[in-house]
Amino acid sequence: MALTGFTVNPVVTSLAVRFAGDAPTLTSALTTSAYNTGIAAGSAIAGRTMDSSLGLTGPALVGTVSAALTLLPLIALALNRAPRQARIVAQRTNSPHTQDNAAAPAQH
C-alpha cells in the first residue's frame, strides 16, 4: 500500500498540473493538501474503529474499504477510455449560397 501511495501521488500531481492551465502552483498545492487530508481522515477513522466492536481489525477494514473506494474512479476512467471512432467536426465560414446571394443585386 505504501509503494502504491508513493508511486501514484506524483503521477496524479503531474496530471493535475498538466491540466491546470494558468495555475499549476495552486493545483500542485491543492493536490498535496488533498493527500494530507486523506491521510488525516483515514487515520482518524481507523483510530475510531479501534474503540468500536471491531477492535484491532478496524484499521484493516478501513484500509480495505478506502482502497476499494479508490479503485471505483480508476475503473470508471479505464472503461471510459475505450477506443472510439474519431469524429471530425468542420465549420464552414462562408457557404457557397451566401456568396451567390451577396453578389446578386437585391430585388424588391
N, C-alpha and C. Protein backbone atom coordinates (compact mmCIF):
# COMPACT_ATOMS: atom_id res chain seq x y z
N MET A 1 0.83 -1.18 0.00
CA MET A 1 0.00 0.00 0.00
C MET A 1 0.88 1.26 0.00
N ALA A 2 1.95 1.22 0.76
CA ALA A 2 2.85 2.37 0.79
C ALA A 2 3.54 2.57 -0.56
N LEU A 3 3.93 1.47 -1.19
CA LEU A 3 4.56 1.57 -2.51
C LEU A 3 3.60 2.20 -3.51
N THR A 4 2.35 1.81 -3.47
CA THR A 4 1.36 2.39 -4.37
C THR A 4 1.18 3.87 -4.08
N GLY A 5 1.10 4.22 -2.79
CA GLY A 5 0.94 5.62 -2.42
C GLY A 5 2.09 6.48 -2.89
N PHE A 6 3.30 5.95 -2.77
CA PHE A 6 4.46 6.73 -3.18
C PHE A 6 4.60 6.81 -4.70
N THR A 7 4.05 5.87 -5.42
CA THR A 7 4.18 5.91 -6.87
C THR A 7 3.00 6.61 -7.55
N VAL A 8 1.82 6.53 -6.97
CA VAL A 8 0.64 7.12 -7.60
C VAL A 8 0.59 8.63 -7.39
N ASN A 9 0.96 9.10 -6.20
CA ASN A 9 0.83 10.52 -5.89
C ASN A 9 1.57 11.43 -6.86
N PRO A 10 2.83 11.16 -7.21
CA PRO A 10 3.50 12.05 -8.18
C PRO A 10 2.85 12.01 -9.56
N VAL A 11 2.34 10.86 -9.97
CA VAL A 11 1.70 10.77 -11.27
C VAL A 11 0.41 11.59 -11.29
N VAL A 12 -0.39 11.45 -10.23
CA VAL A 12 -1.64 12.20 -10.16
C VAL A 12 -1.36 13.70 -10.10
N THR A 13 -0.34 14.09 -9.34
CA THR A 13 0.01 15.51 -9.25
C THR A 13 0.46 16.04 -10.60
N SER A 14 1.27 15.29 -11.32
CA SER A 14 1.73 15.76 -12.63
C SER A 14 0.57 15.85 -13.63
N LEU A 15 -0.38 14.92 -13.56
CA LEU A 15 -1.55 15.01 -14.43
C LEU A 15 -2.40 16.23 -14.08
N ALA A 16 -2.56 16.48 -12.80
CA ALA A 16 -3.33 17.65 -12.38
C ALA A 16 -2.67 18.94 -12.84
N VAL A 17 -1.35 19.00 -12.73
CA VAL A 17 -0.62 20.20 -13.16
C VAL A 17 -0.71 20.36 -14.67
N ARG A 18 -0.71 19.27 -15.39
CA ARG A 18 -0.79 19.34 -16.86
C ARG A 18 -2.09 20.00 -17.30
N PHE A 19 -3.18 19.71 -16.59
CA PHE A 19 -4.48 20.26 -16.96
C PHE A 19 -4.84 21.51 -16.17
N ALA A 20 -3.89 22.06 -15.43
CA ALA A 20 -4.18 23.20 -14.55
C ALA A 20 -4.32 24.52 -15.28
N GLY A 21 -3.81 24.60 -16.47
CA GLY A 21 -3.89 25.86 -17.20
C GLY A 21 -2.93 26.89 -16.63
N ASP A 22 -3.48 28.01 -16.19
CA ASP A 22 -2.66 29.12 -15.72
C ASP A 22 -2.30 29.03 -14.24
N ALA A 23 -2.72 27.98 -13.54
CA ALA A 23 -2.48 27.89 -12.09
C ALA A 23 -1.84 26.56 -11.68
N PRO A 24 -0.66 26.23 -12.23
CA PRO A 24 -0.06 24.95 -11.87
C PRO A 24 0.41 24.89 -10.42
N THR A 25 0.86 26.01 -9.87
CA THR A 25 1.33 26.01 -8.49
C THR A 25 0.16 25.78 -7.53
N LEU A 26 -0.95 26.45 -7.77
CA LEU A 26 -2.13 26.25 -6.93
C LEU A 26 -2.63 24.82 -7.03
N THR A 27 -2.64 24.26 -8.22
CA THR A 27 -3.09 22.89 -8.40
C THR A 27 -2.19 21.91 -7.66
N SER A 28 -0.90 22.11 -7.73
CA SER A 28 0.04 21.24 -7.02
C SER A 28 -0.17 21.34 -5.51
N ALA A 29 -0.38 22.55 -5.02
CA ALA A 29 -0.62 22.73 -3.58
C ALA A 29 -1.92 22.07 -3.14
N LEU A 30 -2.97 22.22 -3.94
CA LEU A 30 -4.26 21.61 -3.59
C LEU A 30 -4.19 20.08 -3.64
N THR A 31 -3.44 19.54 -4.59
CA THR A 31 -3.29 18.09 -4.67
C THR A 31 -2.58 17.56 -3.43
N THR A 32 -1.51 18.24 -3.03
CA THR A 32 -0.79 17.83 -1.83
C THR A 32 -1.66 17.96 -0.59
N SER A 33 -2.44 19.02 -0.52
CA SER A 33 -3.36 19.20 0.61
C SER A 33 -4.40 18.09 0.65
N ALA A 34 -4.88 17.68 -0.52
CA ALA A 34 -5.86 16.59 -0.57
C ALA A 34 -5.25 15.28 -0.07
N TYR A 35 -4.00 15.01 -0.42
CA TYR A 35 -3.34 13.80 0.09
C TYR A 35 -3.26 13.84 1.61
N ASN A 36 -2.81 14.98 2.14
CA ASN A 36 -2.66 15.10 3.59
C ASN A 36 -4.00 15.02 4.31
N THR A 37 -5.03 15.59 3.73
CA THR A 37 -6.37 15.49 4.32
C THR A 37 -6.84 14.05 4.33
N GLY A 38 -6.59 13.34 3.25
CA GLY A 38 -6.96 11.92 3.20
C GLY A 38 -6.22 11.09 4.24
N ILE A 39 -4.95 11.38 4.42
CA ILE A 39 -4.16 10.66 5.43
C ILE A 39 -4.71 10.92 6.82
N ALA A 40 -5.01 12.19 7.11
CA ALA A 40 -5.54 12.55 8.43
C ALA A 40 -6.92 11.93 8.65
N ALA A 41 -7.79 12.01 7.65
CA ALA A 41 -9.14 11.46 7.80
C ALA A 41 -9.10 9.94 7.94
N GLY A 42 -8.28 9.29 7.13
CA GLY A 42 -8.17 7.83 7.22
C GLY A 42 -7.63 7.38 8.57
N SER A 43 -6.65 8.10 9.07
CA SER A 43 -6.09 7.76 10.39
C SER A 43 -7.12 7.97 11.49
N ALA A 44 -7.87 9.06 11.42
CA ALA A 44 -8.89 9.33 12.43
C ALA A 44 -9.99 8.27 12.41
N ILE A 45 -10.43 7.92 11.23
CA ILE A 45 -11.49 6.89 11.12
C ILE A 45 -10.97 5.54 11.61
N ALA A 46 -9.76 5.19 11.20
CA ALA A 46 -9.18 3.91 11.64
C ALA A 46 -8.99 3.88 13.15
N GLY A 47 -8.58 5.01 13.74
CA GLY A 47 -8.43 5.08 15.19
C GLY A 47 -9.75 4.92 15.91
N ARG A 48 -10.81 5.49 15.35
CA ARG A 48 -12.14 5.34 15.95
C ARG A 48 -12.62 3.90 15.92
N THR A 49 -12.28 3.18 14.87
CA THR A 49 -12.74 1.80 14.78
C THR A 49 -12.09 0.91 15.83
N MET A 50 -10.92 1.31 16.31
CA MET A 50 -10.27 0.51 17.35
C MET A 50 -11.05 0.55 18.66
N ASP A 51 -11.79 1.64 18.89
CA ASP A 51 -12.63 1.74 20.08
C ASP A 51 -13.99 1.08 19.91
N SER A 52 -14.30 0.65 18.69
CA SER A 52 -15.59 0.01 18.44
C SER A 52 -15.49 -1.49 18.67
N SER A 53 -16.54 -2.18 18.31
CA SER A 53 -16.55 -3.63 18.47
C SER A 53 -15.61 -4.34 17.50
N LEU A 54 -15.12 -3.62 16.49
CA LEU A 54 -14.20 -4.23 15.52
C LEU A 54 -12.82 -4.46 16.12
N GLY A 55 -12.45 -3.62 17.08
CA GLY A 55 -11.16 -3.79 17.74
C GLY A 55 -10.00 -3.57 16.80
N LEU A 56 -9.02 -4.48 16.87
CA LEU A 56 -7.81 -4.33 16.06
C LEU A 56 -8.02 -4.62 14.59
N THR A 57 -9.14 -5.24 14.22
CA THR A 57 -9.41 -5.47 12.80
C THR A 57 -9.99 -4.22 12.14
N GLY A 58 -10.39 -3.22 12.92
CA GLY A 58 -10.98 -2.00 12.38
C GLY A 58 -10.09 -1.25 11.41
N PRO A 59 -8.83 -0.96 11.76
CA PRO A 59 -7.97 -0.24 10.82
C PRO A 59 -7.77 -1.00 9.50
N ALA A 60 -7.65 -2.30 9.56
CA ALA A 60 -7.50 -3.07 8.32
C ALA A 60 -8.77 -2.99 7.47
N LEU A 61 -9.91 -3.00 8.13
CA LEU A 61 -11.18 -2.88 7.41
C LEU A 61 -11.31 -1.51 6.77
N VAL A 62 -10.92 -0.46 7.50
CA VAL A 62 -10.96 0.89 6.94
C VAL A 62 -10.02 1.00 5.74
N GLY A 63 -8.84 0.42 5.83
CA GLY A 63 -7.90 0.43 4.71
C GLY A 63 -8.43 -0.30 3.49
N THR A 64 -9.09 -1.43 3.73
CA THR A 64 -9.66 -2.21 2.62
C THR A 64 -10.78 -1.45 1.95
N VAL A 65 -11.66 -0.85 2.75
CA VAL A 65 -12.78 -0.10 2.18
C VAL A 65 -12.29 1.13 1.42
N SER A 66 -11.32 1.84 1.97
CA SER A 66 -10.83 3.03 1.27
C SER A 66 -10.08 2.65 -0.01
N ALA A 67 -9.37 1.54 0.00
CA ALA A 67 -8.71 1.08 -1.23
C ALA A 67 -9.73 0.70 -2.29
N ALA A 68 -10.81 0.03 -1.86
CA ALA A 68 -11.87 -0.34 -2.81
C ALA A 68 -12.54 0.90 -3.37
N LEU A 69 -12.80 1.90 -2.52
CA LEU A 69 -13.43 3.13 -2.99
C LEU A 69 -12.50 3.92 -3.91
N THR A 70 -11.22 3.77 -3.72
CA THR A 70 -10.25 4.44 -4.59
C THR A 70 -10.24 3.79 -5.97
N LEU A 71 -10.50 2.51 -6.02
CA LEU A 71 -10.50 1.81 -7.31
C LEU A 71 -11.70 2.15 -8.18
N LEU A 72 -12.81 2.57 -7.58
CA LEU A 72 -14.00 2.86 -8.37
C LEU A 72 -13.77 3.94 -9.43
N PRO A 73 -13.20 5.10 -9.08
CA PRO A 73 -12.95 6.08 -10.15
C PRO A 73 -11.93 5.59 -11.17
N LEU A 74 -10.96 4.80 -10.72
CA LEU A 74 -9.95 4.27 -11.64
C LEU A 74 -10.60 3.33 -12.65
N ILE A 75 -11.49 2.48 -12.19
CA ILE A 75 -12.19 1.57 -13.09
C ILE A 75 -13.08 2.36 -14.05
N ALA A 76 -13.76 3.38 -13.54
CA ALA A 76 -14.61 4.21 -14.40
C ALA A 76 -13.79 4.90 -15.48
N LEU A 77 -12.61 5.41 -15.13
CA LEU A 77 -11.75 6.03 -16.13
C LEU A 77 -11.25 5.03 -17.15
N ALA A 78 -10.91 3.83 -16.69
CA ALA A 78 -10.41 2.81 -17.61
C ALA A 78 -11.49 2.39 -18.60
N LEU A 79 -12.71 2.26 -18.13
CA LEU A 79 -13.80 1.88 -19.02
C LEU A 79 -14.18 3.01 -19.96
N ASN A 80 -14.04 4.24 -19.50
CA ASN A 80 -14.38 5.40 -20.31
C ASN A 80 -13.35 5.66 -21.40
N ARG A 81 -12.14 5.17 -21.23
CA ARG A 81 -11.07 5.41 -22.18
C ARG A 81 -11.03 4.35 -23.28
N ALA A 82 -12.13 3.63 -23.45
CA ALA A 82 -12.20 2.62 -24.51
C ALA A 82 -12.03 3.33 -25.86
N PRO A 83 -11.41 2.66 -26.82
CA PRO A 83 -11.21 3.29 -28.12
C PRO A 83 -12.55 3.64 -28.77
N ARG A 84 -12.60 4.82 -29.32
CA ARG A 84 -13.80 5.30 -30.00
C ARG A 84 -13.42 5.72 -31.40
N GLN A 85 -14.42 5.80 -32.25
CA GLN A 85 -14.17 6.29 -33.59
C GLN A 85 -13.98 7.79 -33.53
N ALA A 86 -13.05 8.27 -34.32
CA ALA A 86 -12.79 9.70 -34.35
C ALA A 86 -13.94 10.42 -35.02
N ARG A 87 -14.28 11.56 -34.47
CA ARG A 87 -15.36 12.36 -35.02
C ARG A 87 -14.77 13.69 -35.44
N ILE A 88 -14.85 14.00 -36.70
CA ILE A 88 -14.30 15.24 -37.21
C ILE A 88 -15.44 16.22 -37.41
N VAL A 89 -15.29 17.36 -36.79
CA VAL A 89 -16.30 18.40 -36.90
C VAL A 89 -15.67 19.57 -37.62
N ALA A 90 -16.25 19.95 -38.74
CA ALA A 90 -15.73 21.07 -39.51
C ALA A 90 -16.77 22.18 -39.53
N GLN A 91 -16.28 23.39 -39.52
CA GLN A 91 -17.16 24.53 -39.56
C GLN A 91 -16.83 25.33 -40.81
N ARG A 92 -17.84 25.58 -41.58
CA ARG A 92 -17.65 26.34 -42.80
C ARG A 92 -17.98 27.80 -42.50
N THR A 93 -17.08 28.69 -42.85
CA THR A 93 -17.31 30.10 -42.54
C THR A 93 -18.23 30.74 -43.56
N ASN A 94 -18.04 30.43 -44.84
CA ASN A 94 -18.90 31.01 -45.88
C ASN A 94 -19.51 29.89 -46.68
N SER A 95 -20.78 29.94 -46.83
CA SER A 95 -21.47 28.95 -47.64
C SER A 95 -21.46 29.44 -49.08
N PRO A 96 -21.44 28.52 -50.05
CA PRO A 96 -21.45 28.96 -51.45
C PRO A 96 -22.72 29.74 -51.77
N HIS A 97 -23.82 29.43 -51.09
CA HIS A 97 -25.08 30.13 -51.34
C HIS A 97 -25.01 31.57 -50.84
N THR A 98 -24.27 31.80 -49.80
CA THR A 98 -24.14 33.15 -49.26
C THR A 98 -23.38 34.03 -50.24
N GLN A 99 -22.35 33.47 -50.87
CA GLN A 99 -21.57 34.26 -51.83
C GLN A 99 -22.42 34.62 -53.05
N ASP A 100 -23.23 33.68 -53.51
CA ASP A 100 -24.08 33.95 -54.68
C ASP A 100 -25.10 35.04 -54.35
N ASN A 101 -25.69 34.97 -53.20
CA ASN A 101 -26.70 35.96 -52.82
C ASN A 101 -26.07 37.32 -52.58
N ALA A 102 -24.84 37.38 -52.11
CA ALA A 102 -24.19 38.66 -51.87
C ALA A 102 -23.82 39.33 -53.17
N ALA A 103 -23.48 38.55 -54.19
CA ALA A 103 -23.07 39.12 -55.48
C ALA A 103 -24.27 39.59 -56.28
N ALA A 104 -25.43 38.95 -56.07
CA ALA A 104 -26.63 39.32 -56.84
C ALA A 104 -27.21 40.61 -56.29
N PRO A 105 -27.74 41.45 -57.15
CA PRO A 105 -28.35 42.68 -56.67
C PRO A 105 -29.65 42.37 -55.92
N ALA A 106 -29.93 43.16 -54.98
CA ALA A 106 -31.14 42.95 -54.16
C ALA A 106 -32.37 43.29 -54.99
N GLN A 107 -33.36 42.43 -54.97
CA GLN A 107 -34.59 42.67 -55.70
C GLN A 107 -35.69 42.99 -54.72
N HIS A 108 -36.46 44.02 -54.99
CA HIS A 108 -37.55 44.40 -54.11
C HIS A 108 -38.85 44.20 -54.78
